[in-house]
N, C-alpha and C. Protein backbone atom coordinates (compact mmCIF):
# COMPACT_ATOMS: atom_id res chain seq x y z
N MET A 1 129.89 138.95 39.81
CA MET A 1 129.81 137.54 39.52
C MET A 1 130.82 137.24 38.40
N SER A 2 131.56 136.15 38.56
CA SER A 2 132.60 135.82 37.58
C SER A 2 131.99 135.28 36.29
N GLN A 3 132.79 135.31 35.25
CA GLN A 3 132.34 134.86 33.94
C GLN A 3 132.01 133.36 33.96
N ASP A 4 132.75 132.58 34.73
CA ASP A 4 132.49 131.14 34.81
C ASP A 4 131.12 130.85 35.42
N ARG A 5 130.75 131.61 36.42
CA ARG A 5 129.44 131.41 37.05
C ARG A 5 128.30 131.79 36.11
N VAL A 6 128.50 132.83 35.34
CA VAL A 6 127.47 133.25 34.38
C VAL A 6 127.27 132.16 33.33
N ILE A 7 128.36 131.59 32.84
CA ILE A 7 128.26 130.53 31.84
C ILE A 7 127.59 129.29 32.44
N LEU A 8 127.94 128.95 33.68
CA LEU A 8 127.32 127.81 34.35
C LEU A 8 125.82 128.00 34.49
N ILE A 9 125.40 129.18 34.89
CA ILE A 9 123.97 129.46 35.04
C ILE A 9 123.26 129.39 33.69
N ALA A 10 123.87 129.98 32.66
CA ALA A 10 123.25 129.97 31.33
C ALA A 10 123.10 128.54 30.80
N LEU A 11 124.12 127.72 30.98
CA LEU A 11 124.04 126.33 30.51
C LEU A 11 123.00 125.53 31.28
N ALA A 12 122.89 125.76 32.57
CA ALA A 12 121.89 125.05 33.38
C ALA A 12 120.48 125.45 32.94
N ILE A 13 120.27 126.72 32.64
CA ILE A 13 118.95 127.18 32.20
C ILE A 13 118.59 126.58 30.85
N VAL A 14 119.53 126.59 29.91
CA VAL A 14 119.27 126.02 28.59
C VAL A 14 118.98 124.52 28.69
N ALA A 15 119.72 123.82 29.54
CA ALA A 15 119.48 122.39 29.72
C ALA A 15 118.10 122.14 30.32
N ALA A 16 117.72 122.91 31.33
CA ALA A 16 116.42 122.71 31.96
C ALA A 16 115.27 122.99 30.98
N ILE A 17 115.38 124.04 30.21
CA ILE A 17 114.34 124.37 29.22
C ILE A 17 114.25 123.28 28.17
N SER A 18 115.39 122.84 27.65
CA SER A 18 115.40 121.83 26.59
C SER A 18 114.85 120.50 27.06
N ILE A 19 115.30 120.04 28.21
CA ILE A 19 114.87 118.74 28.71
C ILE A 19 113.39 118.76 29.06
N THR A 20 112.94 119.79 29.74
CA THR A 20 111.53 119.85 30.13
C THR A 20 110.62 119.95 28.91
N THR A 21 110.99 120.78 27.95
CA THR A 21 110.18 120.92 26.74
C THR A 21 110.13 119.60 25.97
N ALA A 22 111.26 118.93 25.84
CA ALA A 22 111.28 117.65 25.13
C ALA A 22 110.43 116.59 25.83
N LEU A 23 110.52 116.55 27.15
CA LEU A 23 109.72 115.57 27.88
C LEU A 23 108.23 115.85 27.77
N LEU A 24 107.86 117.11 27.83
CA LEU A 24 106.44 117.45 27.70
C LEU A 24 105.92 117.17 26.29
N LEU A 25 106.74 117.43 25.28
CA LEU A 25 106.31 117.11 23.92
C LEU A 25 106.20 115.60 23.72
N ALA A 26 107.11 114.84 24.30
CA ALA A 26 107.05 113.39 24.19
C ALA A 26 105.84 112.82 24.91
N ASP A 27 105.38 113.54 25.93
CA ASP A 27 104.21 113.09 26.68
C ASP A 27 102.90 113.43 25.96
N GLY A 28 102.98 114.21 24.90
CA GLY A 28 101.79 114.51 24.12
C GLY A 28 101.22 115.90 24.32
N SER A 29 101.94 116.76 25.01
CA SER A 29 101.48 118.14 25.19
C SER A 29 101.58 118.92 23.88
N THR A 30 100.80 119.96 23.77
CA THR A 30 100.93 120.83 22.61
C THR A 30 102.20 121.65 22.76
N TRP A 31 102.71 122.19 21.64
CA TRP A 31 103.98 122.89 21.74
C TRP A 31 103.90 124.16 22.57
N PRO A 32 102.78 124.94 22.57
CA PRO A 32 102.77 126.11 23.46
C PRO A 32 102.81 125.72 24.94
N ALA A 33 102.10 124.66 25.30
CA ALA A 33 102.11 124.22 26.70
C ALA A 33 103.48 123.68 27.08
N ALA A 34 104.12 122.96 26.16
CA ALA A 34 105.45 122.43 26.44
C ALA A 34 106.46 123.56 26.59
N LEU A 35 106.35 124.57 25.74
CA LEU A 35 107.28 125.70 25.82
C LEU A 35 107.07 126.49 27.11
N LEU A 36 105.84 126.68 27.52
CA LEU A 36 105.59 127.37 28.78
C LEU A 36 106.11 126.58 29.97
N GLY A 37 105.94 125.27 29.92
CA GLY A 37 106.48 124.42 30.98
C GLY A 37 107.99 124.47 31.01
N GLY A 38 108.62 124.47 29.84
CA GLY A 38 110.07 124.57 29.77
C GLY A 38 110.57 125.91 30.29
N LEU A 39 109.88 126.97 29.94
CA LEU A 39 110.30 128.29 30.44
C LEU A 39 110.12 128.41 31.95
N ALA A 40 109.09 127.78 32.48
CA ALA A 40 108.90 127.76 33.93
C ALA A 40 110.04 127.01 34.60
N ALA A 41 110.45 125.89 34.01
CA ALA A 41 111.58 125.13 34.56
C ALA A 41 112.87 125.94 34.47
N GLY A 42 113.04 126.69 33.39
CA GLY A 42 114.21 127.55 33.25
C GLY A 42 114.24 128.66 34.28
N GLY A 43 113.07 129.23 34.56
CA GLY A 43 112.99 130.26 35.60
C GLY A 43 113.28 129.72 36.98
N ALA A 44 112.77 128.53 37.25
CA ALA A 44 113.05 127.90 38.55
C ALA A 44 114.53 127.58 38.68
N THR A 45 115.14 127.15 37.59
CA THR A 45 116.58 126.87 37.61
C THR A 45 117.38 128.15 37.84
N LEU A 46 117.00 129.22 37.19
CA LEU A 46 117.67 130.50 37.39
C LEU A 46 117.58 130.93 38.84
N TRP A 47 116.41 130.85 39.40
CA TRP A 47 116.20 131.25 40.79
C TRP A 47 117.04 130.39 41.74
N GLY A 48 117.03 129.09 41.52
CA GLY A 48 117.78 128.19 42.37
C GLY A 48 119.28 128.36 42.24
N MET A 49 119.76 128.51 41.01
CA MET A 49 121.21 128.68 40.80
C MET A 49 121.71 129.99 41.39
N LEU A 50 120.94 131.05 41.25
CA LEU A 50 121.37 132.33 41.81
C LEU A 50 121.42 132.27 43.33
N GLY A 51 120.43 131.61 43.92
CA GLY A 51 120.43 131.45 45.38
C GLY A 51 121.57 130.58 45.86
N TRP A 52 121.86 129.50 45.12
CA TRP A 52 122.94 128.60 45.51
C TRP A 52 124.30 129.26 45.36
N LEU A 53 124.50 129.99 44.25
CA LEU A 53 125.79 130.60 44.03
C LEU A 53 126.02 131.84 44.90
N SER A 54 124.97 132.51 45.30
CA SER A 54 125.15 133.69 46.15
C SER A 54 125.53 133.29 47.57
N SER A 55 125.17 132.08 47.99
CA SER A 55 125.51 131.64 49.34
C SER A 55 126.90 131.03 49.43
N SER A 56 127.48 130.65 48.29
CA SER A 56 128.82 130.07 48.31
C SER A 56 129.86 131.19 48.22
N PRO A 57 131.03 130.97 48.85
CA PRO A 57 132.05 132.05 48.86
C PRO A 57 132.69 132.30 47.54
C-alpha cells in the first residue's frame, strides 16, 4: 500500500473519531460513551476505507 493511501486512511479515521465524539458530547453523552462511539466510528471507517481501496487498482 502506498504512503498516500496510508495517510488518507489515517486522516479519515481521525476525522471520523473526532466528529462522532464531538457530536455525541454535544448531544449530552458522557465522555466514556462518546469516546466509545467515536472509536466505533473510527473502526467502521477503517474497515470501509480498506475495503474501498483494496478494490481500486
